[in-house]
Amino acid sequence: FAAQRHVLTYMEDAVSQLLENREDISQYGIARFFTEYFNSVRQGTHILFREFSFVQATPHNRASFLRTFWRCFRTVGKNGGKYSNLLTAQEYHCLLQLLCPDFPVELTQKAARIVLMDDAMDCLMSFSDFLFAFQIQFYYSEFLESVAAIYQDLLAGKNPNTVIVPTSSSGQHRQRQPPNDCSPLDGVEASLFYQCLESLCDRSKYSCPPSALVKEMLSSAQRLTFYGFLMALAKDQGINRALGALPDKGDLFLDPAMDQELEKLVAQVSGLSISRPTSSSGDAANLPVRNSPRINSLWKPLHQRRKMDAESEGSNEETDSSEN
């Protein structure tokens, strides 16, 4: 269970943060620190503003990052005019870097290639198209690297998959022979491609999409290309539900919990503006009532400090631009 849930990874990271912030933590206790750390892991907020090596370290971290990216930037595709929700790969990469400063541009470009296929990389993409392609590329990155190698072997007439014949006492291997007429334009035979993928999923130690869903997805295809396969993965809602990080495409711009929090924040700001005193009599009854914000924790994790610094820098940039 510990290995499956990557408990050691989180324990090592918690101890590392404990040592890095030991002066602050010593005032409030180690037990409180570990409680708050693992609560953040459970809630999926532990990946905010962390280094990429940590963000991609576990399947839970990857799913948390995908969910956070969607919740933070879903309004990119929800609001505005006809073209306001269309961004380039570089612009989406800038959004990713707001959550993970050292996020590699190569992953963003690979996700964009799934959407754009043969189009230029500076073409515009909708938020939903990029998000579902990015989900597949980011969460299953190691699996897709192996799939790309299998696909190239099949195109070259090689066989990446070896089948052990169960009736052979000598343990000899029988090779499945792929067709010799494969070409990049026609792709590869779908049934043979799936057999190789099934074998890969059985032996892979990395995350793979459910083989039953992949089989169902490929059942109606005779031949397919590599990027055609990736696009099919990105569009398949069954695989999206199995991964569990994002809602269905029809509900992509719905997040009642986040909307409720935003409405509360807007109401608080509006209330403070409306309730400003208009009389100079000094009557305390006319002053707006300001409740002190409830402090959940006196110790702020490292990623929360980075968030505060990033917000401070962002506000300074907006001020500078407005002055200009």
C-alpha atoms as a PDB file:
ATOM      1  CA  PHE A   1       0.000   0.000   0.000  1.00  0.00           C
ATOM      2  CA  ALA A   2       2.794   2.417   0.918  1.00  0.00           C
ATOM      3  CA  ALA A   3       4.522   1.864  -2.416  1.00  0.00           C
ATOM      4  CA  GLN A   4       1.284   2.124  -4.388  1.00  0.00           C
ATOM      5  CA  ARG A   5       0.383   5.440  -2.740  1.00  0.00           C
ATOM      6  CA  HIS A   6       3.972   6.742  -2.904  1.00  0.00           C
ATOM      7  CA  VAL A   7       3.974   7.387   0.837  1.00  0.00           C
ATOM      8  CA  LEU A   8       7.784   7.439   0.941  1.00  0.00           C
ATOM      9  CA  THR A   9       7.870  10.230  -1.647  1.00  0.00           C
ATOM     10  CA  TYR A  10       5.634  12.418   0.498  1.00  0.00           C
ATOM     11  CA  MET A  11       7.461  11.557   3.714  1.00  0.00           C
ATOM     12  CA  GLU A  12      10.785  12.535   2.163  1.00  0.00           C
ATOM     13  CA  ASP A  13       9.326  15.784   0.843  1.00  0.00           C
ATOM     14  CA  ALA A  14       7.700  16.581   4.203  1.00  0.00           C
ATOM     15  CA  VAL A  15      10.975  16.022   6.058  1.00  0.00           C
ATOM     16  CA  SER A  16      12.811  18.160   3.515  1.00  0.00           C
ATOM     17  CA  GLN A  17      10.361  21.032   4.035  1.00  0.00           C
ATOM     18  CA  LEU A  18      10.512  20.502   7.778  1.00  0.00           C
ATOM     19  CA  LEU A  19      14.277  20.963   7.778  1.00  0.00           C
ATOM     20  CA  GLU A  20      14.095  23.932   5.417  1.00  0.00           C
ATOM     21  CA  ASN A  21      11.538  25.736   7.605  1.00  0.00           C
ATOM     22  CA  ARG A  22      12.557  24.358  11.004  1.00  0.00           C
ATOM     23  CA  GLU A  23      12.839  27.761  12.674  1.00  0.00           C
ATOM     24  CA  ASP A  24       9.229  28.655  11.884  1.00  0.00           C
ATOM     25  CA  ILE A  25       7.878  25.182  12.507  1.00  0.00           C
ATOM     26  CA  SER A  26       9.563  24.875  15.914  1.00  0.00           C
ATOM     27  CA  GLN A  27       7.188  27.535  17.247  1.00  0.00           C
ATOM     28  CA  TYR A  28       4.062  25.524  16.459  1.00  0.00           C
ATOM     29  CA  GLY A  29       5.107  21.908  16.656  1.00  0.00           C
ATOM     30  CA  ILE A  30       6.090  19.128  14.298  1.00  0.00           C
ATOM     31  CA  ALA A  31       2.784  17.306  14.673  1.00  0.00           C
ATOM     32  CA  ARG A  32       0.880  20.338  13.420  1.00  0.00           C
ATOM     33  CA  PHE A  33       3.238  20.661  10.460  1.00  0.00           C
ATOM     34  CA  PHE A  34       2.730  17.054   9.353  1.00  0.00           C
ATOM     35  CA  THR A  35      -1.035  17.381   9.778  1.00  0.00           C
ATOM     36  CA  GLU A  36      -1.150  20.433   7.529  1.00  0.00           C
ATOM     37  CA  TYR A  37       1.260  18.950   5.001  1.00  0.00           C
ATOM     38  CA  PHE A  38      -0.741  15.778   4.465  1.00  0.00           C
ATOM     39  CA  ASN A  39      -4.009  17.718   4.428  1.00  0.00           C
ATOM     40  CA  SER A  40      -2.595  19.706   1.523  1.00  0.00           C
ATOM     41  CA  VAL A  41      -1.609  16.441  -0.196  1.00  0.00           C
ATOM     42  CA  ARG A  42      -5.135  15.134   0.246  1.00  0.00           C
ATOM     43  CA  GLN A  43      -6.661  18.350  -1.090  1.00  0.00           C
ATOM     44  CA  GLY A  44      -4.243  18.504  -4.041  1.00  0.00           C
ATOM     45  CA  THR A  45      -2.852  21.951  -3.201  1.00  0.00           C
ATOM     46  CA  HIS A  46       0.609  20.645  -2.313  1.00  0.00           C
ATOM     47  CA  ILE A  47       1.848  20.995  -5.917  1.00  0.00           C
ATOM     48  CA  LEU A  48       1.325  24.753  -6.150  1.00  0.00           C
ATOM     49  CA  PHE A  49       4.490  26.628  -7.135  1.00  0.00           C
ATOM     50  CA  ARG A  50       6.620  23.522  -6.648  1.00  0.00           C
ATOM     51  CA  GLU A  51       9.455  22.383  -8.880  1.00  0.00           C
ATOM     52  CA  PHE A  52       8.584  20.188 -11.864  1.00  0.00           C
ATOM     53  CA  SER A  53      10.459  17.183 -10.493  1.00  0.00           C
ATOM     54  CA  PHE A  54       7.994  17.097  -7.597  1.00  0.00           C
ATOM     55  CA  VAL A  55       4.911  17.943  -9.672  1.00  0.00           C
ATOM     56  CA  GLN A  56       5.450  14.933 -11.922  1.00  0.00           C
ATOM     57  CA  ALA A  57       6.779  12.598  -9.201  1.00  0.00           C
ATOM     58  CA  THR A  58       3.533  10.654  -8.565  1.00  0.00           C
ATOM     59  CA  PRO A  59       0.234  10.028 -10.367  1.00  0.00           C
ATOM     60  CA  HIS A  60      -1.588  11.898  -7.594  1.00  0.00           C
ATOM     61  CA  ASN A  61       0.668  14.923  -8.089  1.00  0.00           C
ATOM     62  CA  ARG A  62       0.018  14.901 -11.823  1.00  0.00           C
ATOM     63  CA  ALA A  63      -3.736  14.619 -11.375  1.00  0.00           C
ATOM     64  CA  SER A  64      -3.642  17.411  -8.773  1.00  0.00           C
ATOM     65  CA  PHE A  65      -1.707  19.653 -11.144  1.00  0.00           C
ATOM     66  CA  LEU A  66      -4.166  18.997 -13.979  1.00  0.00           C
ATOM     67  CA  ARG A  67      -7.117  19.756 -11.725  1.00  0.00           C
ATOM     68  CA  THR A  68      -5.477  22.935 -10.427  1.00  0.00           C
ATOM     69  CA  PHE A  69      -4.636  24.144 -13.941  1.00  0.00           C
ATOM     70  CA  TRP A  70      -8.244  23.588 -15.022  1.00  0.00           C
ATOM     71  CA  ARG A  71      -9.740  25.336 -11.984  1.00  0.00           C
ATOM     72  CA  CYS A  72      -7.397  28.318 -12.230  1.00  0.00           C
ATOM     73  CA  PHE A  73      -7.730  28.986 -15.955  1.00  0.00           C
ATOM     74  CA  ARG A  74     -11.090  27.540 -17.036  1.00  0.00           C
ATOM     75  CA  THR A  75     -12.389  31.091 -17.475  1.00  0.00           C
ATOM     76  CA  VAL A  76      -9.998  31.420 -20.418  1.00  0.00           C
ATOM     77  CA  GLY A  77     -12.485  29.370 -22.407  1.00  0.00           C
ATOM     78  CA  LYS A  78     -15.633  30.471 -20.592  1.00  0.00           C
ATOM     79  CA  ASN A  79     -15.678  34.243 -20.967  1.00  0.00           C
ATOM     80  CA  GLY A  80     -15.147  36.793 -23.688  1.00  0.00           C
ATOM     81  CA  GLY A  81     -15.750  37.122 -27.385  1.00  0.00           C
ATOM     82  CA  LYS A  82     -15.375  34.814 -30.331  1.00  0.00           C
ATOM     83  CA  TYR A  83     -11.582  34.493 -30.241  1.00  0.00           C
ATOM     84  CA  SER A  84     -10.826  35.307 -26.612  1.00  0.00           C
ATOM     85  CA  ASN A  85     -10.478  31.656 -25.611  1.00  0.00           C
ATOM     86  CA  LEU A  86      -7.947  30.843 -28.336  1.00  0.00           C
ATOM     87  CA  LEU A  87      -4.297  30.885 -27.294  1.00  0.00           C
ATOM     88  CA  THR A  88      -1.000  29.739 -28.767  1.00  0.00           C
ATOM     89  CA  ALA A  89       1.174  26.997 -27.299  1.00  0.00           C
ATOM     90  CA  GLN A  90       3.542  29.610 -25.904  1.00  0.00           C
ATOM     91  CA  GLU A  91       0.683  31.389 -24.144  1.00  0.00           C
ATOM     92  CA  TYR A  92      -0.556  28.149 -22.597  1.00  0.00           C
ATOM     93  CA  HIS A  93       2.992  27.456 -21.474  1.00  0.00           C
ATOM     94  CA  CYS A  94       3.067  30.823 -19.709  1.00  0.00           C
ATOM     95  CA  LEU A  95      -0.079  29.804 -17.816  1.00  0.00           C
ATOM     96  CA  LEU A  96       1.543  26.521 -16.801  1.00  0.00           C
ATOM     97  CA  GLN A  97       4.589  28.381 -15.539  1.00  0.00           C
ATOM     98  CA  LEU A  98       2.404  30.450 -13.236  1.00  0.00           C
ATOM     99  CA  LEU A  99       1.763  27.224 -11.312  1.00  0.00           C
ATOM    100  CA  CYS A 100       5.135  25.533 -11.911  1.00  0.00           C
ATOM    101  CA  PRO A 101       7.905  28.019 -12.827  1.00  0.00           C
ATOM    102  CA  ASP A 102      10.253  25.436 -14.340  1.00  0.00           C
ATOM    103  CA  PHE A 103       7.610  23.514 -16.292  1.00  0.00           C
ATOM    104  CA  PRO A 104       9.392  22.223 -19.437  1.00  0.00           C
ATOM    105  CA  VAL A 105       8.303  23.780 -22.709  1.00  0.00           C
ATOM    106  CA  GLU A 106       8.810  20.449 -24.492  1.00  0.00           C
ATOM    107  CA  LEU A 107       5.759  18.951 -22.771  1.00  0.00           C
ATOM    108  CA  THR A 108       3.626  21.916 -23.764  1.00  0.00           C
ATOM    109  CA  GLN A 109       4.785  21.626 -27.367  1.00  0.00           C
ATOM    110  CA  LYS A 110       4.032  17.897 -27.447  1.00  0.00           C
ATOM    111  CA  ALA A 111       0.521  18.544 -26.151  1.00  0.00           C
ATOM    112  CA  ALA A 112       0.020  21.261 -28.748  1.00  0.00           C
ATOM    113  CA  ARG A 113       1.195  18.908 -31.495  1.00  0.00           C
ATOM    114  CA  ILE A 114      -1.656  16.524 -30.623  1.00  0.00           C
ATOM    115  CA  VAL A 115      -4.139  19.311 -31.350  1.00  0.00           C
ATOM    116  CA  LEU A 116      -2.386  21.013 -34.251  1.00  0.00           C
ATOM    117  CA  MET A 117      -1.145  17.868 -36.020  1.00  0.00           C
ATOM    118  CA  ASP A 118       0.572  19.243 -39.138  1.00  0.00           C
ATOM    119  CA  ASP A 119      -0.302  22.885 -38.517  1.00  0.00           C
ATOM    120  CA  ALA A 120       2.272  25.430 -37.414  1.00  0.00           C
ATOM    121  CA  MET A 121       3.007  25.556 -33.690  1.00  0.00           C
ATOM    122  CA  ASP A 122       1.964  29.204 -33.462  1.00  0.00           C
ATOM    123  CA  CYS A 123      -1.645  28.426 -34.437  1.00  0.00           C
ATOM    124  CA  LEU A 124      -4.411  29.174 -31.944  1.00  0.00           C
ATOM    125  CA  MET A 125      -6.059  26.455 -29.846  1.00  0.00           C
ATOM    126  CA  SER A 126      -9.169  26.426 -27.717  1.00  0.00           C
ATOM    127  CA  PHE A 127      -8.791  25.863 -23.990  1.00  0.00           C
ATOM    128  CA  SER A 128     -10.724  22.594 -24.033  1.00  0.00           C
ATOM    129  CA  ASP A 129      -8.738  21.122 -26.940  1.00  0.00           C
ATOM    130  CA  PHE A 130      -5.417  21.993 -25.327  1.00  0.00           C
ATOM    131  CA  LEU A 131      -6.475  20.871 -21.847  1.00  0.00           C
ATOM    132  CA  PHE A 132      -7.522  17.347 -22.818  1.00  0.00           C
ATOM    133  CA  ALA A 133      -4.480  16.901 -25.058  1.00  0.00           C
ATOM    134  CA  PHE A 134      -2.235  18.203 -22.274  1.00  0.00           C
ATOM    135  CA  GLN A 135      -3.847  15.791 -19.822  1.00  0.00           C
ATOM    136  CA  ILE A 136      -2.910  12.794 -21.965  1.00  0.00           C
ATOM    137  CA  GLN A 137       0.607  14.051 -22.688  1.00  0.00           C
ATOM    138  CA  PHE A 138       1.398  15.011 -19.098  1.00  0.00           C
ATOM    139  CA  TYR A 139      -0.201  12.164 -17.159  1.00  0.00           C
ATOM    140  CA  TYR A 140       0.859   9.370 -19.535  1.00  0.00           C
ATOM    141  CA  SER A 141       4.167  10.863 -20.727  1.00  0.00           C
ATOM    142  CA  GLU A 142       6.308   7.751 -20.159  1.00  0.00           C
ATOM    143  CA  PHE A 143       3.672   5.510 -21.720  1.00  0.00           C
ATOM    144  CA  LEU A 144       3.490   7.730 -24.809  1.00  0.00           C
ATOM    145  CA  GLU A 145       7.261   7.638 -25.232  1.00  0.00           C
ATOM    146  CA  SER A 146       7.093   3.841 -25.383  1.00  0.00           C
ATOM    147  CA  VAL A 147       4.105   3.997 -27.737  1.00  0.00           C
ATOM    148  CA  ALA A 148       6.053   6.270 -30.099  1.00  0.00           C
ATOM    149  CA  ALA A 149       8.902   3.747 -30.210  1.00  0.00           C
ATOM    150  CA  ILE A 150       6.469   0.887 -30.898  1.00  0.00           C
ATOM    151  CA  TYR A 151       4.816   2.849 -33.679  1.00  0.00           C
ATOM    152  CA  GLN A 152       8.123   3.627 -35.363  1.00  0.00           C
ATOM    153  CA  ASP A 153       9.164  -0.026 -35.187  1.00  0.00           C
ATOM    154  CA  LEU A 154       5.912  -1.093 -36.816  1.00  0.00           C
ATOM    155  CA  LEU A 155       6.360   1.478 -39.582  1.00  0.00           C
ATOM    156  CA  ALA A 156       9.873   0.167 -40.201  1.00  0.00           C
ATOM    157  CA  GLY A 157       8.607  -3.407 -40.477  1.00  0.00           C
ATOM    158  CA  LYS A 158      10.120  -4.444 -37.152  1.00  0.00           C
ATOM    159  CA  ASN A 159       8.212  -6.217 -34.438  1.00  0.00           C
ATOM    160  CA  PRO A 160       8.462  -4.626 -31.004  1.00  0.00           C
ATOM    161  CA  ASN A 161       6.314  -7.321 -29.435  1.00  0.00           C
ATOM    162  CA  THR A 162       7.407 -10.886 -28.739  1.00  0.00           C
ATOM    163  CA  VAL A 163       4.901 -13.562 -27.803  1.00  0.00           C
ATOM    164  CA  ILE A 164       5.905 -16.603 -25.748  1.00  0.00           C
ATOM    165  CA  VAL A 165       4.175 -19.704 -27.111  1.00  0.00           C
ATOM    166  CA  PRO A 166       2.715 -21.451 -24.028  1.00  0.00           C
ATOM    167  CA  THR A 167       2.842 -24.970 -25.575  1.00  0.00           C
ATOM    168  CA  SER A 168       6.576 -24.801 -26.282  1.00  0.00           C
ATOM    169  CA  SER A 169       8.642 -26.644 -23.690  1.00  0.00           C
ATOM    170  CA  SER A 170      11.834 -25.006 -24.915  1.00  0.00           C
ATOM    171  CA  GLY A 171      10.499 -21.495 -24.274  1.00  0.00           C
ATOM    172  CA  GLN A 172      11.094 -20.410 -27.844  1.00  0.00           C
ATOM    173  CA  HIS A 173       9.589 -17.145 -29.024  1.00  0.00           C
ATOM    174  CA  ARG A 174       7.327 -16.603 -31.979  1.00  0.00           C
ATOM    175  CA  GLN A 175       7.363 -13.185 -33.597  1.00  0.00           C
ATOM    176  CA  ARG A 176       4.186 -11.522 -34.831  1.00  0.00           C
ATOM    177  CA  GLN A 177       4.931 -10.343 -38.337  1.00  0.00           C
ATOM    178  CA  PRO A 178       3.656  -6.858 -39.129  1.00  0.00           C
ATOM    179  CA  PRO A 179       2.584  -5.975 -42.641  1.00  0.00           C
ATOM    180  CA  ASN A 180       5.367  -4.803 -44.921  1.00  0.00           C
ATOM    181  CA  ASP A 181       3.337  -2.098 -46.652  1.00  0.00           C
ATOM    182  CA  CYS A 182       3.247   0.333 -43.711  1.00  0.00           C
ATOM    183  CA  SER A 183       3.788   3.964 -44.577  1.00  0.00           C
ATOM    184  CA  PRO A 184       3.694   7.158 -42.508  1.00  0.00           C
ATOM    185  CA  LEU A 185       0.604   8.350 -44.380  1.00  0.00           C
ATOM    186  CA  ASP A 186      -1.401   5.154 -43.949  1.00  0.00           C
ATOM    187  CA  GLY A 187      -0.267   4.475 -40.404  1.00  0.00           C
ATOM    188  CA  VAL A 188      -0.162   0.959 -38.973  1.00  0.00           C
ATOM    189  CA  GLU A 189      -2.637  -1.858 -38.589  1.00  0.00           C
ATOM    190  CA  ALA A 190      -4.851  -1.078 -35.598  1.00  0.00           C
ATOM    191  CA  SER A 191      -5.214  -4.656 -34.328  1.00  0.00           C
ATOM    192  CA  LEU A 192      -1.462  -5.290 -34.331  1.00  0.00           C
ATOM    193  CA  PHE A 193      -0.861  -1.911 -32.746  1.00  0.00           C
ATOM    194  CA  TYR A 194      -3.282  -2.738 -29.940  1.00  0.00           C
ATOM    195  CA  GLN A 195      -1.616  -6.098 -29.293  1.00  0.00           C
ATOM    196  CA  CYS A 196       1.665  -4.295 -28.757  1.00  0.00           C
ATOM    197  CA  LEU A 197       0.014  -1.750 -26.479  1.00  0.00           C
ATOM    198  CA  GLU A 198      -1.655  -4.467 -24.426  1.00  0.00           C
ATOM    199  CA  SER A 199       1.693  -6.115 -23.850  1.00  0.00           C
ATOM    200  CA  LEU A 200       3.215  -2.744 -22.941  1.00  0.00           C
ATOM    201  CA  CYS A 201       0.494  -2.010 -20.365  1.00  0.00           C
ATOM    202  CA  ASP A 202       0.957  -5.428 -18.771  1.00  0.00           C
ATOM    203  CA  ARG A 203       4.654  -4.900 -18.129  1.00  0.00           C
ATOM    204  CA  SER A 204       4.878  -1.139 -17.666  1.00  0.00           C
ATOM    205  CA  LYS A 205       5.586   0.309 -14.226  1.00  0.00           C
ATOM    206  CA  TYR A 206       4.240   3.699 -15.307  1.00  0.00           C
ATOM    207  CA  SER A 207       0.650   4.884 -15.598  1.00  0.00           C
ATOM    208  CA  CYS A 208      -1.194   3.570 -18.649  1.00  0.00           C
ATOM    209  CA  PRO A 209      -4.749   4.124 -19.889  1.00  0.00           C
ATOM    210  CA  PRO A 210      -7.057   1.146 -19.217  1.00  0.00           C
ATOM    211  CA  SER A 211      -6.383  -1.418 -21.927  1.00  0.00           C
ATOM    212  CA  ALA A 212     -10.090  -2.325 -22.203  1.00  0.00           C
ATOM    213  CA  LEU A 213     -10.924   1.285 -23.070  1.00  0.00           C
ATOM    214  CA  VAL A 214      -8.072   1.459 -25.568  1.00  0.00           C
ATOM    215  CA  LYS A 215      -9.314  -1.736 -27.202  1.00  0.00           C
ATOM    216  CA  GLU A 216     -12.830  -0.349 -27.466  1.00  0.00           C
ATOM    217  CA  MET A 217     -11.482   2.896 -28.892  1.00  0.00           C
ATOM    218  CA  LEU A 218      -9.490   1.087 -31.610  1.00  0.00           C
ATOM    219  CA  SER A 219     -12.098  -1.569 -32.400  1.00  0.00           C
ATOM    220  CA  SER A 220     -13.633   0.375 -35.284  1.00  0.00           C
ATOM    221  CA  ALA A 221     -10.326   1.388 -36.895  1.00  0.00           C
ATOM    222  CA  GLN A 222      -8.467  -0.575 -39.553  1.00  0.00           C
ATOM    223  CA  ARG A 223      -5.326   1.545 -39.589  1.00  0.00           C
ATOM    224  CA  LEU A 224      -4.234   4.577 -37.619  1.00  0.00           C
ATOM    225  CA  THR A 225      -1.392   7.069 -37.303  1.00  0.00           C
ATOM    226  CA  PHE A 226       0.466   7.947 -34.117  1.00  0.00           C
ATOM    227  CA  TYR A 227      -1.079  11.394 -33.733  1.00  0.00           C
ATOM    228  CA  GLY A 228      -4.460  10.016 -34.705  1.00  0.00           C
ATOM    229  CA  PHE A 229      -4.115   7.642 -31.766  1.00  0.00           C
ATOM    230  CA  LEU A 230      -3.130  10.466 -29.407  1.00  0.00           C
ATOM    231  CA  MET A 231      -6.057  12.591 -30.531  1.00  0.00           C
ATOM    232  CA  ALA A 232      -8.414   9.663 -29.967  1.00  0.00           C
ATOM    233  CA  LEU A 233      -7.019   9.249 -26.445  1.00  0.00           C
ATOM    234  CA  ALA A 234      -7.511  12.956 -25.723  1.00  0.00           C
ATOM    235  CA  LYS A 235     -11.134  12.916 -26.937  1.00  0.00           C
ATOM    236  CA  ASP A 236     -12.182   9.683 -25.235  1.00  0.00           C
ATOM    237  CA  GLN A 237     -14.387  10.561 -22.261  1.00  0.00           C
ATOM    238  CA  GLY A 238     -14.100   7.050 -20.831  1.00  0.00           C
ATOM    239  CA  ILE A 239     -10.343   7.478 -20.446  1.00  0.00           C
ATOM    240  CA  ASN A 240     -10.909  10.948 -19.012  1.00  0.00           C
ATOM    241  CA  ARG A 241     -13.266   9.544 -16.379  1.00  0.00           C
ATOM    242  CA  ALA A 242     -10.847   6.726 -15.541  1.00  0.00           C
ATOM    243  CA  LEU A 243      -8.082   9.248 -14.960  1.00  0.00           C
ATOM    244  CA  GLY A 244     -10.394  11.285 -12.729  1.00  0.00           C
ATOM    245  CA  ALA A 245      -8.674  14.680 -12.821  1.00  0.00           C
ATOM    246  CA  LEU A 246     -10.984  16.636 -15.145  1.00  0.00           C
ATOM    247  CA  PRO A 247     -14.765  16.744 -15.623  1.00  0.00           C
ATOM    248  CA  ASP A 248     -16.475  15.702 -18.829  1.00  0.00           C
ATOM    249  CA  LYS A 249     -16.093  18.136 -21.700  1.00  0.00           C
ATOM    250  CA  GLY A 250     -19.692  19.300 -21.334  1.00  0.00           C
ATOM    251  CA  ASP A 251     -19.023  20.292 -17.710  1.00  0.00           C
ATOM    252  CA  LEU A 252     -15.582  21.737 -18.310  1.00  0.00           C
ATOM    253  CA  PHE A 253     -16.552  25.314 -17.507  1.00  0.00           C
ATOM    254  CA  LEU A 254     -18.666  24.399 -14.470  1.00  0.00           C
ATOM    255  CA  ASP A 255     -17.096  24.494 -11.028  1.00  0.00           C
ATOM    256  CA  PRO A 256     -19.792  25.390  -8.467  1.00  0.00           C
ATOM    257  CA  ALA A 257     -17.434  25.282  -5.482  1.00  0.00           C
ATOM    258  CA  MET A 258     -14.977  27.693  -7.066  1.00  0.00           C
ATOM    259  CA  ASP A 259     -17.783  29.928  -8.385  1.00  0.00           C
ATOM    260  CA  GLN A 260     -19.266  30.130  -4.894  1.00  0.00           C
ATOM    261  CA  GLU A 261     -15.937  31.171  -3.400  1.00  0.00           C
ATOM    262  CA  LEU A 262     -15.479  33.821  -6.090  1.00  0.00           C
ATOM    263  CA  GLU A 263     -18.991  35.145  -5.496  1.00  0.00           C
ATOM    264  CA  LYS A 264     -18.280  35.436  -1.778  1.00  0.00           C
ATOM    265  CA  LEU A 265     -15.059  37.292  -2.487  1.00  0.00           C
ATOM    266  CA  VAL A 266     -16.765  39.684  -4.897  1.00  0.00           C
ATOM    267  CA  ALA A 267     -19.575  40.271  -2.396  1.00  0.00           C
ATOM    268  CA  GLN A 268     -17.072  41.054   0.355  1.00  0.00           C
ATOM    269  CA  VAL A 269     -15.196  43.519  -1.830  1.00  0.00           C
ATOM    270  CA  SER A 270     -18.432  45.135  -3.016  1.00  0.00           C
ATOM    271  CA  GLY A 271     -19.712  45.341   0.556  1.00  0.00           C
ATOM    272  CA  LEU A 272     -16.613  47.134   1.720  1.00  0.00           C
ATOM    273  CA  SER A 273     -16.918  49.631  -1.135  1.00  0.00           C
ATOM    274  CA  ILE A 274     -20.604  50.326  -0.553  1.00  0.00           C
ATOM    275  CA  SER A 275     -20.333  50.610   3.222  1.00  0.00           C
ATOM    276  CA  ARG A 276     -17.639  53.303   3.253  1.00  0.00           C
ATOM    277  CA  PRO A 277     -18.616  56.101   5.703  1.00  0.00           C
ATOM    278  CA  THR A 278     -20.136  59.180   4.043  1.00  0.00           C
ATOM    279  CA  SER A 279     -20.403  61.270   7.192  1.00  0.00           C
ATOM    280  CA  SER A 280     -17.589  63.173   8.869  1.00  0.00           C
ATOM    281  CA  SER A 281     -19.295  63.027  12.259  1.00  0.00           C
ATOM    282  CA  GLY A 282     -17.003  60.260  13.339  1.00  0.00           C
ATOM    283  CA  ASP A 283     -19.892  58.052  14.396  1.00  0.00           C
ATOM    284  CA  ALA A 284     -18.502  54.561  14.752  1.00  0.00           C
ATOM    285  CA  ALA A 285     -21.852  53.088  13.761  1.00  0.00           C
ATOM    286  CA  ASN A 286     -21.342  54.317  10.218  1.00  0.00           C
ATOM    287  CA  LEU A 287     -18.051  52.504   9.825  1.00  0.00           C
ATOM    288  CA  PRO A 288     -18.108  49.211   7.935  1.00  0.00           C
ATOM    289  CA  VAL A 289     -17.774  46.124  10.039  1.00  0.00           C
ATOM    290  CA  ARG A 290     -14.630  44.277   9.076  1.00  0.00           C
ATOM    291  CA  ASN A 291     -14.226  40.815  10.448  1.00  0.00           C
ATOM    292  CA  SER A 292     -10.684  39.677  10.829  1.00  0.00           C
ATOM    293  CA  PRO A 293      -9.913  36.812   8.471  1.00  0.00           C
ATOM    294  CA  ARG A 294      -9.740  33.466  10.180  1.00  0.00           C
ATOM    295  CA  ILE A 295      -6.207  32.135  10.178  1.00  0.00           C
ATOM    296  CA  ASN A 296      -6.136  28.441   9.527  1.00  0.00           C
ATOM    297  CA  SER A 297      -2.444  28.078  10.126  1.00  0.00           C
ATOM    298  CA  LEU A 298       0.261  30.180  11.681  1.00  0.00           C
ATOM    299  CA  TRP A 299       2.846  28.264   9.698  1.00  0.00           C
ATOM    300  CA  LYS A 300       2.771  28.837   5.960  1.00  0.00           C
ATOM    301  CA  PRO A 301       4.203  26.054   3.783  1.00  0.00           C
ATOM    302  CA  LEU A 302       6.936  26.856   1.333  1.00  0.00           C
ATOM    303  CA  HIS A 303       4.624  26.792  -1.689  1.00  0.00           C
ATOM    304  CA  GLN A 304       2.269  29.290  -0.021  1.00  0.00           C
ATOM    305  CA  ARG A 305       5.162  31.684   0.535  1.00  0.00           C
ATOM    306  CA  ARG A 306       6.087  31.422  -3.112  1.00  0.00           C
ATOM    307  CA  LYS A 307       2.469  32.137  -4.019  1.00  0.00           C
ATOM    308  CA  MET A 308       2.514  35.316  -1.929  1.00  0.00           C
ATOM    309  CA  ASP A 309       5.753  36.435  -3.562  1.00  0.00           C
ATOM    310  CA  ALA A 310       4.376  35.725  -7.038  1.00  0.00           C
ATOM    311  CA  GLU A 311       1.200  37.666  -6.319  1.00  0.00           C
ATOM    312  CA  SER A 312       3.245  40.584  -5.004  1.00  0.00           C
ATOM    313  CA  GLU A 313       5.396  40.657  -8.123  1.00  0.00           C
ATOM    314  CA  GLY A 314       2.282  40.430 -10.318  1.00  0.00           C
ATOM    315  CA  SER A 315       0.658  43.398  -8.567  1.00  0.00           C
ATOM    316  CA  ASN A 316       3.800  45.483  -9.057  1.00  0.00           C
ATOM    317  CA  GLU A 317       3.845  44.675 -12.766  1.00  0.00           C
ATOM    318  CA  GLU A 318       0.202  45.701 -13.134  1.00  0.00           C
ATOM    319  CA  THR A 319       0.912  48.970 -11.352  1.00  0.00           C
ATOM    320  CA  ASP A 320       3.847  49.717 -13.608  1.00  0.00           C
ATOM    321  CA  SER A 321       1.848  48.999 -16.741  1.00  0.00           C
ATOM    322  CA  SER A 322      -1.048  51.151 -15.593  1.00  0.00           C
ATOM    323  CA  GLU A 323       1.303  54.083 -14.939  1.00  0.00           C
ATOM    324  CA  ASN A 324       2.665  53.790 -18.429  1.00  0.00           C
END
